[in-house]
Amino acid sequence: MRLNQRQIEVFNAVMVNKSVTAAAAALGTSQPTISRELREMEQRIGFDLFLRFGKRLTPTNQALLLHEVVRRSFVGMDEISRAASAIRTYNAANFRIATIPAFAESVMPRVAQRLQKQRPAVHLSLHSLEELSLQHEVSTTVFDLGVTEGRFEQQGVISQNIEVGELVCVLPIGHPLAGKKVLQPEDFNNEPFVYFSQDDPYRRKLDDIFFEAGITRSYAVETTTAASVCSMVSAGLGVSIINPLTAENHIGKGVVLRRLGVSVPYALVVWRPAKSSRSRLAERVIATLSDVAAEMRRTLQAALNRE
């Protein structure tokens, strides 16, 4: 037993439109043709699809079960049709971006907002992933763009840096160190410190700076994202040092921001598959990301100058 595509289309049309007349109109054919296709389909599958009362058809339980499978296949076909339509023009593309949690809650919402105004037909899909997972997914072209903070060299991936400033100190409101405009490594001696996880690249840079300065920080708590660091600091668990984008996003949100006397430059790293048909749209997204990051940098500098 093997059904043909036409029979499945006819069956689906009758189930969806509730009558032979409406199904014939939807498919642009005649009622006798619809009835004939249904009878042939029933002969092939070996059971009745409809109970016939004059001109009225009532689906059998078997028909309802079969239509669940058919309906799912037609949903899949609709998705394929929509994808084909989107591919015809990059303005209607579903553009998939992977980023780390720190950027998913700081810079990327603003990028999405701006792109929505500039390119309302672009369908952005934003996914928050840890860095190692993100690197793998972008390299295998599951995503069109990856935005993170760590360098990654791999064949088939193009990367570029967007400079966004330097690391910033974050303190609880009312903390004694808030009286200083610039904090040096020695200011953190024996201070309860909110750490990033061991595999964070900037955690390692900061550890080296404090080690070389002979400074010992007191361990308060360890967490994985800059936003959670700010929450821990706001709760009074300790002080910390975070990226400038998250710092800008937390201006006036229960923490005090101060400059770090030691320069630790911070950059976004943008990756995309080398072989991609989405290069024009990718370039637009990267340009928008660069603009938003520059604006956030200026806002942060203005806030630090006011303090």
Foldseek 3Di string as FASTA:
>chain_A
DDDDPVLLLLLLLCVVVQFLVRSCVVVVHDSVVSVVSQVVVCVVVVHHQFDDDPRGTDGDPVVVVVVVVSVVVVVVVVVVVQQVVCVVDVLQHAAEEEEAPQCVPFQVVVLVVVCCVVRVNYRYHYHHDPDVVQVVCQQVVVHFKYKYFDDDDDPQKDKDKQWQFFKKKKAFPPDPVLVDQEDELQVQAQWAEEAEDPPDPVSVVVVVRNVVVVGDHHHQYYYHYPVVRNVCRLVVSTMYIGDLRSVLVCVVPRIHIHHYPDGGITIMMMMGGPDDPNVVVVVVSVVSSSVSSNVSSVSSVVSSVVD
